[in-house]
Amino acid sequence: MNQPIKYQITLPFPRSVNQIWRVARPPAQKALQSKQPPLLEALRKPRRYVYRDASYVAWIKRSDAAWMAQKAPGRPACIEGKFDIRITLYPSNRKRRDPDNCAKVILDWLVRAELIRDDSLCHSVLTTLDEVRPDTSCCVVELEEYQP
């Protein structure tokens, strides 16, 4: 039997999933002359734009750089099937946090980095909020291919 694929990666402290998306409305436009009846015009809803928060985009770039510095040369193996993940969070302060909100952000990054094929194949997640590290907040991700 082959050895399971394993990774241990240290990443910057992740954003909460509640903080990664932003919604904006388009800038107000001058009223256009419309040929539609006023009632239909009033029922039209303004479009909203959903975009990634700038701090989340910056976290992705810092995580990519951290992974490039840690990984062995060559293309890493992608876990194609089920996997187990252990996430240890080391925050910079004692602010109240919900650790499972950070797990989704990390799982999405692992898909982006092509270390896992799909985050829906996760067999188990253990997320731990550990001691405060004021100068070196980070998270340690231990990823292992599932072995029944």
Protein backbone atom coordinates (compact mmCIF):
# COMPACT_ATOMS: atom_id res chain seq x y z
CA MET A 1 0.00 0.00 0.00
CA ASN A 2 1.26 3.47 -0.87
CA GLN A 3 2.15 6.01 1.77
CA PRO A 4 -0.61 8.62 2.22
CA ILE A 5 0.10 12.13 0.98
CA LYS A 6 0.83 14.47 3.91
CA TYR A 7 1.54 18.19 4.20
CA GLN A 8 2.31 20.52 7.08
CA ILE A 9 2.07 24.16 6.07
CA THR A 10 2.40 27.36 8.08
CA LEU A 11 0.23 30.14 6.67
CA PRO A 12 -0.58 33.68 7.75
CA PHE A 13 -3.50 33.95 10.18
CA PRO A 14 -6.63 33.66 7.98
CA ARG A 15 -9.57 35.99 7.63
CA SER A 16 -12.95 34.86 8.87
CA VAL A 17 -15.33 33.68 6.15
CA ASN A 18 -17.63 36.48 7.36
CA GLN A 19 -15.05 39.08 6.29
CA ILE A 20 -13.99 37.95 2.82
CA TRP A 21 -16.86 39.16 0.63
CA ARG A 22 -18.14 42.68 0.07
CA VAL A 23 -21.31 43.89 -1.65
CA ALA A 24 -21.56 47.20 -3.44
CA ARG A 25 -24.16 48.95 -5.49
CA PRO A 26 -23.21 50.63 -8.73
CA PRO A 27 -22.75 54.38 -8.60
CA ALA A 28 -25.94 56.37 -8.97
CA GLN A 29 -26.69 57.16 -12.59
CA LYS A 30 -28.74 59.96 -13.99
CA ALA A 31 -32.32 58.98 -14.57
CA LEU A 32 -32.66 57.68 -18.07
CA GLN A 33 -35.68 58.28 -20.17
CA SER A 34 -37.47 54.93 -20.11
CA LYS A 35 -40.26 53.80 -22.37
CA GLN A 36 -41.49 51.34 -19.73
CA PRO A 37 -44.51 52.23 -17.62
CA PRO A 38 -43.58 53.82 -14.26
CA LEU A 39 -44.80 50.78 -12.32
CA LEU A 40 -42.43 48.41 -14.15
CA GLU A 41 -39.58 50.87 -13.75
CA ALA A 42 -40.17 50.99 -9.98
CA LEU A 43 -40.10 47.18 -9.70
CA ARG A 44 -36.65 46.90 -11.23
CA LYS A 45 -34.07 46.13 -8.56
CA PRO A 46 -30.68 47.79 -8.65
CA ARG A 47 -27.81 45.42 -9.45
CA ARG A 48 -25.38 44.57 -6.70
CA TYR A 49 -21.77 43.62 -7.18
CA VAL A 50 -20.10 41.02 -4.97
CA TYR A 51 -16.32 41.12 -4.78
CA ARG A 52 -13.50 39.81 -2.62
CA ASP A 53 -12.34 42.07 0.19
CA ALA A 54 -8.87 43.58 -0.34
CA SER A 55 -7.56 42.11 2.92
CA TYR A 56 -8.66 38.64 1.77
CA VAL A 57 -6.90 39.07 -1.58
CA ALA A 58 -3.77 40.16 0.32
CA TRP A 59 -4.04 37.07 2.58
CA ILE A 60 -4.23 34.82 -0.50
CA LYS A 61 -1.06 36.40 -1.91
CA ARG A 62 0.79 36.08 1.42
CA SER A 63 -0.36 32.44 1.71
CA ASP A 64 0.84 31.70 -1.82
CA ALA A 65 4.25 33.19 -0.98
CA ALA A 66 4.46 31.25 2.29
CA TRP A 67 3.64 27.99 0.48
CA MET A 68 6.21 28.65 -2.24
CA ALA A 69 8.87 29.20 0.44
CA GLN A 70 7.98 25.94 2.25
CA LYS A 71 7.28 23.46 -0.52
CA ALA A 72 9.80 21.13 -2.08
CA PRO A 73 10.85 21.84 -5.68
CA GLY A 74 8.50 20.50 -8.33
CA ARG A 75 4.76 20.15 -8.48
CA PRO A 76 3.23 18.88 -5.21
CA ALA A 77 0.90 15.88 -5.28
CA CYS A 78 -2.79 16.72 -5.18
CA ILE A 79 -5.02 14.73 -2.84
CA GLU A 80 -7.71 13.46 -5.21
CA GLY A 81 -9.96 11.75 -2.68
CA LYS A 82 -10.96 12.11 0.94
CA PHE A 83 -8.65 13.82 3.40
CA ASP A 84 -8.32 14.78 7.06
CA ILE A 85 -7.19 18.25 8.12
CA ARG A 86 -5.99 19.70 11.41
CA ILE A 87 -5.83 23.48 11.67
CA THR A 88 -4.13 25.15 14.63
CA LEU A 89 -4.73 28.90 14.86
CA TYR A 90 -2.29 31.16 16.70
CA PRO A 91 -3.96 34.60 16.90
CA SER A 92 -2.18 37.90 17.55
CA ASN A 93 -4.57 38.94 20.36
CA ARG A 94 -7.31 37.61 22.63
CA LYS A 95 -10.14 38.92 20.48
CA ARG A 96 -13.13 36.58 20.44
CA ARG A 97 -13.07 34.38 17.32
CA ASP A 98 -15.03 31.55 15.77
CA PRO A 99 -12.37 29.04 14.62
CA ASP A 100 -14.63 27.17 12.18
CA ASN A 101 -15.11 30.38 10.16
CA CYS A 102 -11.38 30.29 9.39
CA ALA A 103 -11.48 26.66 8.25
CA LYS A 104 -13.51 27.39 5.08
CA VAL A 105 -11.06 30.08 4.00
CA ILE A 106 -8.14 27.68 4.42
CA LEU A 107 -9.93 24.85 2.60
CA ASP A 108 -10.68 27.17 -0.33
CA TRP A 109 -7.02 28.18 -0.44
CA LEU A 110 -5.93 24.51 -0.47
CA VAL A 111 -8.12 23.94 -3.55
CA ARG A 112 -6.62 27.05 -5.17
CA ALA A 113 -3.08 25.80 -4.40
CA GLU A 114 -4.04 22.43 -5.95
CA LEU A 115 -3.21 20.47 -2.80
CA ILE A 116 -6.74 19.05 -2.66
CA ARG A 117 -9.14 18.51 -5.55
CA ASP A 118 -12.32 19.56 -3.76
CA ASP A 119 -13.01 20.73 -0.21
CA SER A 120 -16.26 18.75 -0.19
CA LEU A 121 -14.13 15.57 0.03
CA CYS A 122 -13.03 16.50 3.55
CA HIS A 123 -13.47 13.52 5.87
CA SER A 124 -12.68 15.34 9.13
CA VAL A 125 -11.73 18.84 10.28
CA LEU A 126 -10.18 19.68 13.62
CA THR A 127 -9.79 23.40 14.24
CA THR A 128 -8.01 24.55 17.39
CA LEU A 129 -7.59 28.09 18.69
CA ASP A 130 -4.24 27.99 20.49
CA GLU A 131 -2.07 30.45 22.41
CA VAL A 132 -1.73 34.10 21.49
CA ARG A 133 1.39 35.05 19.50
CA PRO A 134 1.45 38.86 19.28
CA ASP A 135 4.40 39.05 16.88
CA THR A 136 3.95 35.88 14.85
CA SER A 137 0.25 35.13 14.42
CA CYS A 138 -0.21 32.26 11.99
CA CYS A 139 -1.99 29.00 11.39
CA VAL A 140 -0.48 25.56 11.01
CA VAL A 141 -2.28 23.26 8.59
CA GLU A 142 -1.71 19.51 8.77
CA LEU A 143 -3.27 17.79 5.78
CA GLU A 144 -3.32 14.04 5.26
CA GLU A 145 -4.90 11.73 2.72
CA TYR A 146 -7.67 9.72 4.38
CA GLN A 147 -6.83 6.10 5.15
CA PRO A 148 -9.84 3.94 6.16
